[in-house]
Amino acid sequence: MPGGNVHLSFLDPQGPIAALQRVHFYEVLGVLVVLVAIPIFVLTPWFAWRYRYGASGVRYTPHWDHFWLIEIATWAGPVAIVGALAFLLWRDSHRLDPYRPLASTQPALRIQVIGYDWKWLFIYPDQGIATVGTLAIPVGRPLALQLTSATVMQSLLIPALGSQIYAMGGMVTQLHLQATKPGRLLGENTMFNGRGFQQQRFTALALPAADFNRWVQNVKTHGIPFSERTLAAIAREGSRADLTSALSRSGAAGELELTDVPAGFFSTLVKATMNDAPVHLPSIAAGDRPGHPPSGSAVAALASAPRP
């Protein structure tokens, strides 16, 4: 992870989803404190003192078997706890649905995410570029991510932006996020899927719109072509440092920038993974160009399919 001030948690939210998750966390915490912690810490000492050995003024009732007030109190607490938590969970499950697009006056930036062992490939299909190790995003513009895996199940999480979503081979999941402040954010794979999974981290770089456009142009100018050799190196099991070494690149902390990425590569990889077939760049239709939708309908069909 590059140095500098990196935002690590939804408790320090850098976007609207993480901000809602922080509110949800404090609401759940409040329910547990008020309905669980306080009664325990208040009633435990009171019971210990009230029914202590040798206490005076305590009525002895050896044949007592039922008392409605205790019965009601016994059931009221659990019912209140379950009811409050169920309401919060139901409400925020809808508000924080990762498939739900974010309301904005700006069009969403499309990003396609592919999980490899142990690295993430981020494709910007409308710009024709891709990166490994860095996810650059414009501040204030919603993101529409489509995710899949070229290998085993993986889980993408940018804690300071909120929402975790799985990526699975031959399937497409969706995630909508937005950054409201410039900064550097931790991104990682939270799914234990092999000995190198702990290295599968990246930096989400939130940039002002003008800086993001300059970053895109810089990648187009200085990035390496997305070729069969590059694809083979990315698909090979290993860390980002192994990848840049194999390509004889000296990117900071194993970062890689790629140009000339066919817009249809993502859908081709999804179909190939589904059919357990190899992926080759020549199999992508010649009409797939940056700024145009893929010729195949795999992504649209899989993205609209029932969620796993």
Foldseek 3Di string as FASTA:
>chain_A
DDDDDADEALCQAQFDLSVVVNVLVVQLVVLCCVLPVVCCVVVVVVCCVCPPPPDPPDDDDPPDDDDVVVVCVVPVSVVSNVVSNVVSCVVVCVVNVFLDADDDPDAAQEWEWEQAQAWIWIARQQLQKIKIQEAEDEAPHKHKYKAAYLDAKWKKDFRNFDDIDIHYALFIEIGMTHGHDFDKTKMATPDPDDDRRRLHIHIYGYDHPVVVVVVSVVLQVPAAEDAPQLVVLRNDNDHLVSSCVSVVHDDPPSMHMYGNHFSCQSLQSSVCRVVVHDDHPVVADPPRHNNDHGPDCRRVVRHPDDDD
